[in-house]
Structures are given as C-alpha cells and as structure tokens.
PDB file of N, CA and C in Angstrom:
ATOM      1  N   MET A   1       2.061 147.608-195.812  1.00  0.00           N
ATOM      2  CA  MET A   1       1.479 147.847-194.419  1.00  0.00           C
ATOM      3  C   MET A   1       2.259 147.964-193.309  1.00  0.00           C
ATOM      4  N   PRO A   2       1.942 148.825-192.478  1.00  0.00           N
ATOM      5  CA  PRO A   2       2.933 149.034-190.885  1.00  0.00           C
ATOM      6  C   PRO A   2       2.912 147.986-189.891  1.00  0.00           C
ATOM      7  N   LYS A   3       3.475 147.440-189.467  1.00  0.00           N
ATOM      8  CA  LYS A   3       3.552 146.115-188.378  1.00  0.00           C
ATOM      9  C   LYS A   3       2.732 147.031-187.188  1.00  0.00           C
ATOM     10  N   THR A   4       1.903 146.107-186.245  1.00  0.00           N
ATOM     11  CA  THR A   4       1.490 146.763-185.232  1.00  0.00           C
ATOM     12  C   THR A   4       2.192 146.808-184.216  1.00  0.00           C
ATOM     13  N   LYS A   5       2.133 147.987-183.621  1.00  0.00           N
ATOM     14  CA  LYS A   5       3.094 148.531-182.417  1.00  0.00           C
ATOM     15  C   LYS A   5       2.627 147.728-181.225  1.00  0.00           C
ATOM     16  N   THR A   6       3.698 147.065-180.036  1.00  0.00           N
ATOM     17  CA  THR A   6       3.111 146.183-179.054  1.00  0.00           C
ATOM     18  C   THR A   6       4.032 146.774-178.150  1.00  0.00           C
ATOM     19  N   HIS A   7       4.958 147.781-178.212  1.00  0.00           N
ATOM     20  CA  HIS A   7       5.339 148.299-177.084  1.00  0.00           C
ATOM     21  C   HIS A   7       5.738 149.703-176.950  1.00  0.00           C
ATOM     22  N   THR A   8       5.975 150.550-175.720  1.00  0.00           N
ATOM     23  CA  THR A   8       6.544 151.721-175.763  1.00  0.00           C
ATOM     24  C   THR A   8       7.455 151.936-174.791  1.00  0.00           C
ATOM     25  N   GLY A   9       8.544 152.764-175.473  1.00  0.00           N
ATOM     26  CA  GLY A   9       9.768 153.186-174.947  1.00  0.00           C
ATOM     27  C   GLY A   9       9.904 154.479-175.086  1.00  0.00           C
ATOM     28  N   THR A  10      11.032 155.013-174.240  1.00  0.00           N
ATOM     29  CA  THR A  10      11.703 156.316-174.193  1.00  0.00           C
ATOM     30  C   THR A  10      12.723 156.403-174.652  1.00  0.00           C
ATOM     31  N   VAL A  11      12.668 157.077-175.906  1.00  0.00           N
ATOM     32  CA  VAL A  11      14.144 157.776-176.693  1.00  0.00           C
ATOM     33  C   VAL A  11      14.624 158.926-176.492  1.00  0.00           C
ATOM     34  N   VAL A  12      15.931 159.049-176.048  1.00  0.00           N
ATOM     35  CA  VAL A  12      16.414 160.414-175.874  1.00  0.00           C
ATOM     36  C   VAL A  12      17.161 160.683-177.350  1.00  0.00           C
ATOM     37  N   ARG A  13      16.892 162.191-177.377  1.00  0.00           N
ATOM     38  CA  ARG A  13      17.397 163.152-178.292  1.00  0.00           C
ATOM     39  C   ARG A  13      18.360 164.241-177.676  1.00  0.00           C
ATOM     40  N   ALA A  14      18.791 165.014-178.616  1.00  0.00           N
ATOM     41  CA  ALA A  14      19.471 166.022-178.219  1.00  0.00           C
ATOM     42  C   ALA A  14      18.485 167.277-177.734  1.00  0.00           C
ATOM     43  N   ASP A  15      17.265 166.923-178.385  1.00  0.00           N
ATOM     44  CA  ASP A  15      15.994 167.918-178.114  1.00  0.00           C
ATOM     45  C   ASP A  15      15.254 167.298-176.489  1.00  0.00           C
ATOM     46  N   GLY A  16      15.561 166.267-176.075  1.00  0.00           N
ATOM     47  CA  GLY A  16      14.533 165.937-175.046  1.00  0.00           C
ATOM     48  C   GLY A  16      14.275 164.641-175.327  1.00  0.00           C
ATOM     49  N   GLU A  17      13.592 164.230-174.370  1.00  0.00           N
ATOM     50  CA  GLU A  17      12.862 162.824-174.502  1.00  0.00           C
ATOM     51  C   GLU A  17      11.680 162.693-174.906  1.00  0.00           C
ATOM     52  N   LYS A  18      11.460 161.539-175.252  1.00  0.00           N
ATOM     53  CA  LYS A  18      10.129 161.614-176.353  1.00  0.00           C
ATOM     54  C   LYS A  18       9.563 159.823-176.042  1.00  0.00           C
ATOM     55  N   ARG A  19       8.476 159.616-175.942  1.00  0.00           N
ATOM     56  CA  ARG A  19       7.764 158.319-175.655  1.00  0.00           C
ATOM     57  C   ARG A  19       7.364 157.816-176.867  1.00  0.00           C
ATOM     58  N   VAL A  20       7.992 156.807-177.404  1.00  0.00           N
ATOM     59  CA  VAL A  20       7.576 156.013-179.073  1.00  0.00           C
ATOM     60  C   VAL A  20       7.117 154.855-178.685  1.00  0.00           C
ATOM     61  N   LYS A  21       6.038 154.438-179.388  1.00  0.00           N
ATOM     62  CA  LYS A  21       5.556 153.185-179.814  1.00  0.00           C
ATOM     63  C   LYS A  21       6.432 152.093-180.781  1.00  0.00           C
ATOM     64  N   LEU A  22       6.930 150.986-180.119  1.00  0.00           N
ATOM     65  CA  LEU A  22       7.604 150.339-180.980  1.00  0.00           C
ATOM     66  C   LEU A  22       7.049 148.703-181.213  1.00  0.00           C
ATOM     67  N   HIS A  23       7.786 147.824-181.890  1.00  0.00           N
ATOM     68  CA  HIS A  23       7.533 146.547-182.476  1.00  0.00           C
ATOM     69  C   HIS A  23       9.217 145.915-182.357  1.00  0.00           C
ATOM     70  N   MET A  24       9.021 144.692-182.212  1.00  0.00           N
ATOM     71  CA  MET A  24      10.419 144.036-182.013  1.00  0.00           C
ATOM     72  C   MET A  24      10.565 143.048-183.155  1.00  0.00           C
ATOM     73  N   THR A  25      11.735 142.968-183.365  1.00  0.00           N
ATOM     74  CA  THR A  25      12.234 142.244-184.750  1.00  0.00           C
ATOM     75  C   THR A  25      13.356 141.262-183.679  1.00  0.00           C
ATOM     76  N   ALA A  26      13.731 140.754-184.514  1.00  0.00           N
ATOM     77  CA  ALA A  26      14.997 139.620-184.294  1.00  0.00           C
ATOM     78  C   ALA A  26      16.150 140.321-183.594  1.00  0.00           C
ATOM     79  N   THR A  27      16.751 141.389-183.909  1.00  0.00           N
ATOM     80  CA  THR A  27      17.684 142.385-183.270  1.00  0.00           C
ATOM     81  C   THR A  27      17.498 143.747-183.092  1.00  0.00           C
ATOM     82  N   THR A  28      16.353 144.141-183.469  1.00  0.00           N
ATOM     83  CA  THR A  28      16.063 145.763-182.861  1.00  0.00           C
ATOM     84  C   THR A  28      14.721 145.731-182.544  1.00  0.00           C
ATOM     85  N   TRP A  29      14.527 147.104-181.920  1.00  0.00           N
ATOM     86  CA  TRP A  29      13.248 147.609-181.747  1.00  0.00           C
ATOM     87  C   TRP A  29      12.991 148.806-182.796  1.00  0.00           C
ATOM     88  N   VAL A  30      11.956 148.519-183.774  1.00  0.00           N
ATOM     89  CA  VAL A  30      11.645 149.455-184.552  1.00  0.00           C
ATOM     90  C   VAL A  30      10.313 150.275-184.347  1.00  0.00           C
ATOM     91  N   ALA A  31      11.216 151.849-184.592  1.00  0.00           N
ATOM     92  CA  ALA A  31       9.782 152.830-184.098  1.00  0.00           C
ATOM     93  C   ALA A  31       9.050 153.191-185.463  1.00  0.00           C
ATOM     94  N   SER A  32       9.965 153.348-186.634  1.00  0.00           N
ATOM     95  CA  SER A  32       9.143 153.611-187.917  1.00  0.00           C
ATOM     96  C   SER A  32       9.999 153.194-188.822  1.00  0.00           C
ATOM     97  N   ALA A  33       9.676 153.273-190.234  1.00  0.00           N
ATOM     98  CA  ALA A  33      10.277 152.505-191.373  1.00  0.00           C
ATOM     99  C   ALA A  33      11.988 152.902-191.229  1.00  0.00           C
ATOM    100  N   LYS A  34      12.309 154.169-190.704  1.00  0.00           N
ATOM    101  CA  LYS A  34      13.634 154.325-191.069  1.00  0.00           C
ATOM    102  C   LYS A  34      14.262 154.753-189.644  1.00  0.00           C
ATOM    103  N   GLU A  35      13.588 154.475-188.638  1.00  0.00           N
ATOM    104  CA  GLU A  35      13.826 154.668-187.214  1.00  0.00           C
ATOM    105  C   GLU A  35      14.361 153.374-186.405  1.00  0.00           C
ATOM    106  N   TYR A  36      14.899 152.940-186.097  1.00  0.00           N
ATOM    107  CA  TYR A  36      15.379 151.479-185.118  1.00  0.00           C
ATOM    108  C   TYR A  36      16.379 151.669-184.429  1.00  0.00           C
ATOM    109  N   TYR A  37      16.491 150.730-183.200  1.00  0.00           N
ATOM    110  CA  TYR A  37      17.208 151.014-182.388  1.00  0.00           C
ATOM    111  C   TYR A  37      17.635 149.417-181.914  1.00  0.00           C
ATOM    112  N   TYR A  38      19.268 149.278-181.768  1.00  0.00           N
ATOM    113  CA  TYR A  38      19.496 147.712-181.432  1.00  0.00           C
ATOM    114  C   TYR A  38      19.031 147.412-180.422  1.00  0.00           C
ATOM    115  N   ARG A  39      18.636 146.141-179.980  1.00  0.00           N
ATOM    116  CA  ARG A  39      18.048 145.375-178.681  1.00  0.00           C
ATOM    117  C   ARG A  39      18.803 145.671-177.459  1.00  0.00           C
ATOM    118  N   ASP A  40      20.299 145.097-178.000  1.00  0.00           N
ATOM    119  CA  ASP A  40      21.304 144.785-177.045  1.00  0.00           C
ATOM    120  C   ASP A  40      21.809 145.948-176.216  1.00  0.00           C
ATOM    121  N   SER A  41      21.868 147.074-176.973  1.00  0.00           N
ATOM    122  CA  SER A  41      22.409 147.895-176.397  1.00  0.00           C
ATOM    123  C   SER A  41      21.611 149.540-176.252  1.00  0.00           C
ATOM    124  N   GLY A  42      20.374 149.788-177.204  1.00  0.00           N
ATOM    125  CA  GLY A  42      19.739 150.799-177.368  1.00  0.00           C
ATOM    126  C   GLY A  42      20.131 151.642-178.363  1.00  0.00           C
ATOM    127  N   GLN A  43      21.309 151.466-179.138  1.00  0.00           N
ATOM    128  CA  GLN A  43      21.638 152.769-179.849  1.00  0.00           C
ATOM    129  C   GLN A  43      21.159 152.505-181.174  1.00  0.00           C
ATOM    130  N   ARG A  44      20.395 153.978-181.825  1.00  0.00           N
ATOM    131  CA  ARG A  44      19.995 153.748-183.056  1.00  0.00           C
ATOM    132  C   ARG A  44      20.898 153.545-184.001  1.00  0.00           C
ATOM    133  N   GLY A  45      20.533 152.646-184.830  1.00  0.00           N
ATOM    134  CA  GLY A  45      20.720 152.258-186.107  1.00  0.00           C
ATOM    135  C   GLY A  45      20.822 153.108-187.476  1.00  0.00           C
ATOM    136  N   GLY A  46      21.095 152.805-188.375  1.00  0.00           N
ATOM    137  CA  GLY A  46      20.651 153.469-189.989  1.00  0.00           C
ATOM    138  C   GLY A  46      20.914 154.839-189.603  1.00  0.00           C
ATOM    139  N   GLY A  47      20.333 155.941-189.493  1.00  0.00           N
ATOM    140  CA  GLY A  47      20.676 157.547-189.907  1.00  0.00           C
ATOM    141  C   GLY A  47      21.142 158.292-188.916  1.00  0.00           C
ATOM    142  N   HIS A  48      21.362 159.611-189.160  1.00  0.00           N
ATOM    143  CA  HIS A  48      22.320 160.067-188.323  1.00  0.00           C
ATOM    144  C   HIS A  48      21.668 160.359-186.974  1.00  0.00           C
ATOM    145  N   GLY A  49      22.307 161.217-186.175  1.00  0.00           N
ATOM    146  CA  GLY A  49      21.723 161.171-184.794  1.00  0.00           C
ATOM    147  C   GLY A  49      22.282 160.378-183.807  1.00  0.00           C
ATOM    148  N   ARG A  50      22.191 160.956-182.396  1.00  0.00           N
ATOM    149  CA  ARG A  50      22.729 160.129-181.329  1.00  0.00           C
ATOM    150  C   ARG A  50      21.690 159.718-180.441  1.00  0.00           C
ATOM    151  N   ALA A  51      20.467 159.629-180.911  1.00  0.00           N
ATOM    152  CA  ALA A  51      19.353 159.389-179.963  1.00  0.00           C
ATOM    153  C   ALA A  51      19.737 157.788-179.620  1.00  0.00           C
ATOM    154  N   ARG A  52      19.174 157.478-178.522  1.00  0.00           N
ATOM    155  CA  ARG A  52      19.258 156.376-177.662  1.00  0.00           C
ATOM    156  C   ARG A  52      18.130 155.756-177.203  1.00  0.00           C
ATOM    157  N   LEU A  53      17.622 154.699-177.023  1.00  0.00           N
ATOM    158  CA  LEU A  53      16.218 154.087-176.829  1.00  0.00           C
ATOM    159  C   LEU A  53      16.878 153.636-175.345  1.00  0.00           C
ATOM    160  N   LEU A  54      15.925 153.701-173.864  1.00  0.00           N
ATOM    161  CA  LEU A  54      16.638 153.595-173.016  1.00  0.00           C
ATOM    162  C   LEU A  54      15.696 152.185-172.929  1.00  0.00           C
ATOM    163  N   LEU A  55      16.539 151.086-172.580  1.00  0.00           N
ATOM    164  CA  LEU A  55      15.876 149.718-172.789  1.00  0.00           C
ATOM    165  C   LEU A  55      14.928 149.403-171.332  1.00  0.00           C
ATOM    166  N   ASP A  56      15.448 149.898-170.216  1.00  0.00           N
ATOM    167  CA  ASP A  56      14.924 149.993-168.831  1.00  0.00           C
ATOM    168  C   ASP A  56      13.417 150.452-168.986  1.00  0.00           C
ATOM    169  N   THR A  57      12.911 151.419-170.098  1.00  0.00           N
ATOM    170  CA  THR A  57      11.902 152.037-170.092  1.00  0.00           C
ATOM    171  C   THR A  57      10.722 150.993-171.025  1.00  0.00           C
ATOM    172  N   ILE A  58      10.974 150.152-171.771  1.00  0.00           N
ATOM    173  CA  ILE A  58      10.259 149.452-172.414  1.00  0.00           C
ATOM    174  C   ILE A  58       9.316 148.441-171.785  1.00  0.00           C
ATOM    175  N   LYS A  59       7.936 148.870-172.359  1.00  0.00           N
ATOM    176  CA  LYS A  59       6.509 148.336-171.690  1.00  0.00           C
ATOM    177  C   LYS A  59       5.560 147.681-172.680  1.00  0.00           C
ATOM    178  N   PRO A  60       5.113 146.470-172.630  1.00  0.00           N
ATOM    179  CA  PRO A  60       4.223 146.275-173.275  1.00  0.00           C
ATOM    180  C   PRO A  60       2.592 147.332-173.540  1.00  0.00           C
ATOM    181  N   ILE A  61       2.499 147.115-174.497  1.00  0.00           N
ATOM    182  CA  ILE A  61       1.049 148.201-174.692  1.00  0.00           C
ATOM    183  C   ILE A  61      -0.324 147.144-174.106  1.00  0.00           C
ATOM    184  N   GLU A  62      -0.765 147.906-173.096  1.00  0.00           N
ATOM    185  CA  GLU A  62      -2.059 147.023-172.739  1.00  0.00           C
ATOM    186  C   GLU A  62      -3.095 146.913-173.431  1.00  0.00           C
ATOM    187  N   LYS A  63      -3.967 146.121-173.765  1.00  0.00           N
ATOM    188  CA  LYS A  63      -5.282 146.027-174.983  1.00  0.00           C
ATOM    189  C   LYS A  63      -5.988 146.032-173.752  1.00  0.00           C
ATOM    190  N   VAL A  64      -7.061 146.705-174.415  1.00  0.00           N
ATOM    191  CA  VAL A  64      -8.199 147.457-173.607  1.00  0.00           C
ATOM    192  C   VAL A  64      -9.394 146.166-174.211  1.00  0.00           C
ATOM    193  N   THR A  65      -9.897 145.547-173.322  1.00  0.00           N
ATOM    194  CA  THR A  65     -10.949 144.759-173.740  1.00  0.00           C
ATOM    195  C   THR A  65     -12.437 145.004-172.886  1.00  0.00           C
ATOM    196  N   GLU A  66     -13.409 145.338-173.739  1.00  0.00           N
ATOM    197  CA  GLU A  66     -14.670 145.796-173.257  1.00  0.00           C
ATOM    198  C   GLU A  66     -15.462 144.478-173.511  1.00  0.00           C
TER     199      GLU A  66
END
C-alpha cells in the first residue's frame, strides 16, 4: 500500500520541470517506489538520471475540510 503524499515539490529533469507529490522519510523525499531525493541536497538517489528536487519549492499539501 503506497504512503500518503504530504508535500509537493518541483523536480528539474533534462526535459523540464515537473511538480510532484512527495512524502518524507528519515533521510529522503520519496516521489514513487523507484524515485527518491536526498533531503540534505535534493539530489536523486537510486536510478539513473540527473534529476534534482528543488528543496525551496517543497510545500505541504493543504487538506480541504468541508
């Protein structure tokens, strides 16, 4: 079962910028099961690519209450 995404942030890739939903662990921001970014640098971990998470764009997702 996937974790609930609590934040959003902008990821910069070779093909442009993309807004992604994230959740936080002890050392990373996680976008999907195979895509995570280090909390201290924003650099992508694991797979290939030079994607980077812009840490100053991370914002909590606001919950809508009715």
